[in-house]
C-alpha cells in the first residue's frame, strides 16, 4: 500500500485491518524541510494503529531531503525526532 499523509487513520471508513493485517513493514517518510511536529504526531498515531492490528509489523522511518542540511542540523533533527516520538 502507498497512501498520502493526509489519510485519517481514525476515519470510520479507513479499514486498518485490511491494510495492516498482512503488512510486513511500514515505511514512514518525514520531509525534513517541513514542520516535523505534525509528522511526528502522525507517525505516532500510525505506529499505534498499525501495531494494534499487527504486532509483528516492522517500522522504518526515513527523513527525506536532508542532503542540503549541515551535519549538525541532521544530528539535531534525528535526535529531536527520536526523543519526541519515543515519549
C-alpha atoms as a PDB file:
ATOM      1  CA  UNK A   1       0.000   0.000   0.000  1.00  0.00           C
ATOM      2  CA  UNK A   2       1.014   3.571  -0.596  1.00  0.00           C
ATOM      3  CA  UNK A   3      -1.104   6.309   0.868  1.00  0.00           C
ATOM      4  CA  UNK A   4      -0.523  10.008   1.441  1.00  0.00           C
ATOM      5  CA  UNK A   5      -0.092  11.624   4.833  1.00  0.00           C
ATOM      6  CA  UNK A   6      -3.483  13.283   4.816  1.00  0.00           C
ATOM      7  CA  UNK A   7      -5.211   9.913   5.295  1.00  0.00           C
ATOM      8  CA  UNK A   8      -7.132   9.960   8.576  1.00  0.00           C
ATOM      9  CA  UNK A   9      -6.492   6.699  10.425  1.00  0.00           C
ATOM     10  CA  UNK A  10      -9.452   7.427  12.677  1.00  0.00           C
ATOM     11  CA  UNK A  11     -11.944   7.957   9.871  1.00  0.00           C
ATOM     12  CA  UNK A  12     -14.583   5.216  10.194  1.00  0.00           C
ATOM     13  CA  UNK A  13     -14.167   4.381   6.500  1.00  0.00           C
ATOM     14  CA  UNK A  14     -10.429   3.662   6.963  1.00  0.00           C
ATOM     15  CA  UNK A  15     -10.003  -0.119   7.153  1.00  0.00           C
ATOM     16  CA  UNK A  16      -6.837  -0.565   9.228  1.00  0.00           C
ATOM     17  CA  UNK A  17      -7.371  -4.313   9.393  1.00  0.00           C
ATOM     18  CA  UNK A  18      -7.343  -4.660   5.604  1.00  0.00           C
ATOM     19  CA  UNK A  19      -4.220  -2.532   5.252  1.00  0.00           C
ATOM     20  CA  UNK A  20      -2.057  -3.546   8.208  1.00  0.00           C
ATOM     21  CA  UNK A  21      -3.016  -7.164   8.923  1.00  0.00           C
ATOM     22  CA  UNK A  22      -0.840  -8.659   6.169  1.00  0.00           C
ATOM     23  CA  UNK A  23       1.741  -5.877   6.140  1.00  0.00           C
ATOM     24  CA  UNK A  24       5.319  -6.951   6.905  1.00  0.00           C
ATOM     25  CA  UNK A  25       6.721  -3.469   7.221  1.00  0.00           C
ATOM     26  CA  UNK A  26       5.669   0.133   7.203  1.00  0.00           C
ATOM     27  CA  UNK A  27       7.926   2.856   5.842  1.00  0.00           C
ATOM     28  CA  UNK A  28       7.126   6.334   7.118  1.00  0.00           C
ATOM     29  CA  UNK A  29       8.775   9.275   5.363  1.00  0.00           C
ATOM     30  CA  UNK A  30       9.234  12.660   7.016  1.00  0.00           C
ATOM     31  CA  UNK A  31      10.147  15.708   4.957  1.00  0.00           C
ATOM     32  CA  UNK A  32      12.957  17.494   6.806  1.00  0.00           C
ATOM     33  CA  UNK A  33      12.063  20.798   5.196  1.00  0.00           C
ATOM     34  CA  UNK A  34       8.545  20.823   6.651  1.00  0.00           C
ATOM     35  CA  UNK A  35       7.487  21.379  10.226  1.00  0.00           C
ATOM     36  CA  UNK A  36       8.147  17.941  11.680  1.00  0.00           C
ATOM     37  CA  UNK A  37       5.828  18.278  14.696  1.00  0.00           C
ATOM     38  CA  UNK A  38       2.723  17.314  12.709  1.00  0.00           C
ATOM     39  CA  UNK A  39       4.604  14.480  11.004  1.00  0.00           C
ATOM     40  CA  UNK A  40       5.824  13.191  14.357  1.00  0.00           C
ATOM     41  CA  UNK A  41       2.289  13.004  15.713  1.00  0.00           C
ATOM     42  CA  UNK A  42       1.108  11.310  12.531  1.00  0.00           C
ATOM     43  CA  UNK A  43       3.961   8.806  12.904  1.00  0.00           C
ATOM     44  CA  UNK A  44       2.984   8.003  16.491  1.00  0.00           C
ATOM     45  CA  UNK A  45      -0.699   7.616  15.553  1.00  0.00           C
ATOM     46  CA  UNK A  46       0.206   5.383  12.608  1.00  0.00           C
ATOM     47  CA  UNK A  47       2.522   3.174  14.641  1.00  0.00           C
ATOM     48  CA  UNK A  48      -0.063   2.720  17.391  1.00  0.00           C
ATOM     49  CA  UNK A  49      -2.856   1.902  14.940  1.00  0.00           C
ATOM     50  CA  UNK A  50      -0.742  -0.466  12.838  1.00  0.00           C
ATOM     51  CA  UNK A  51       0.671  -2.243  15.898  1.00  0.00           C
ATOM     52  CA  UNK A  52      -2.832  -2.770  17.310  1.00  0.00           C
ATOM     53  CA  UNK A  53      -3.740  -4.635  14.123  1.00  0.00           C
ATOM     54  CA  UNK A  54      -0.404  -6.358  13.517  1.00  0.00           C
ATOM     55  CA  UNK A  55       2.121  -6.577  16.377  1.00  0.00           C
ATOM     56  CA  UNK A  56       4.657  -8.255  14.050  1.00  0.00           C
ATOM     57  CA  UNK A  57       4.908  -5.261  11.732  1.00  0.00           C
ATOM     58  CA  UNK A  58       8.341  -3.674  11.310  1.00  0.00           C
ATOM     59  CA  UNK A  59       8.614   0.128  11.216  1.00  0.00           C
ATOM     60  CA  UNK A  60      11.186   2.163   9.307  1.00  0.00           C
ATOM     61  CA  UNK A  61      11.356   5.964   9.392  1.00  0.00           C
ATOM     62  CA  UNK A  62      13.195   7.927   6.729  1.00  0.00           C
ATOM     63  CA  UNK A  63      13.933  11.611   6.999  1.00  0.00           C
ATOM     64  CA  UNK A  64      13.799  12.924   3.431  1.00  0.00           C
ATOM     65  CA  UNK A  65      15.566  15.949   1.917  1.00  0.00           C
ATOM     66  CA  UNK A  66      18.415  16.164   4.426  1.00  0.00           C
ATOM     67  CA  UNK A  67      21.138  16.463   1.794  1.00  0.00           C
ATOM     68  CA  UNK A  68      21.060  20.265   1.988  1.00  0.00           C
ATOM     69  CA  UNK A  69      21.338  20.360   5.777  1.00  0.00           C
ATOM     70  CA  UNK A  70      24.533  20.666   7.795  1.00  0.00           C
ATOM     71  CA  UNK A  71      25.728  17.598   9.678  1.00  0.00           C
ATOM     72  CA  UNK A  72      24.897  19.267  12.993  1.00  0.00           C
ATOM     73  CA  UNK A  73      21.357  20.028  11.829  1.00  0.00           C
ATOM     74  CA  UNK A  74      20.901  16.431  10.639  1.00  0.00           C
ATOM     75  CA  UNK A  75      22.030  15.108  14.013  1.00  0.00           C
ATOM     76  CA  UNK A  76      19.754  17.515  15.887  1.00  0.00           C
ATOM     77  CA  UNK A  77      16.800  16.647  13.675  1.00  0.00           C
ATOM     78  CA  UNK A  78      17.316  12.919  14.201  1.00  0.00           C
ATOM     79  CA  UNK A  79      17.827  13.246  17.948  1.00  0.00           C
ATOM     80  CA  UNK A  80      14.796  15.518  18.410  1.00  0.00           C
ATOM     81  CA  UNK A  81      12.611  13.229  16.336  1.00  0.00           C
ATOM     82  CA  UNK A  82      13.703  10.179  18.284  1.00  0.00           C
ATOM     83  CA  UNK A  83      13.164  11.861  21.655  1.00  0.00           C
ATOM     84  CA  UNK A  84       9.711  13.211  20.839  1.00  0.00           C
ATOM     85  CA  UNK A  85       8.417  10.041  19.218  1.00  0.00           C
ATOM     86  CA  UNK A  86       9.579   7.695  21.972  1.00  0.00           C
ATOM     87  CA  UNK A  87       7.908   9.690  24.791  1.00  0.00           C
END
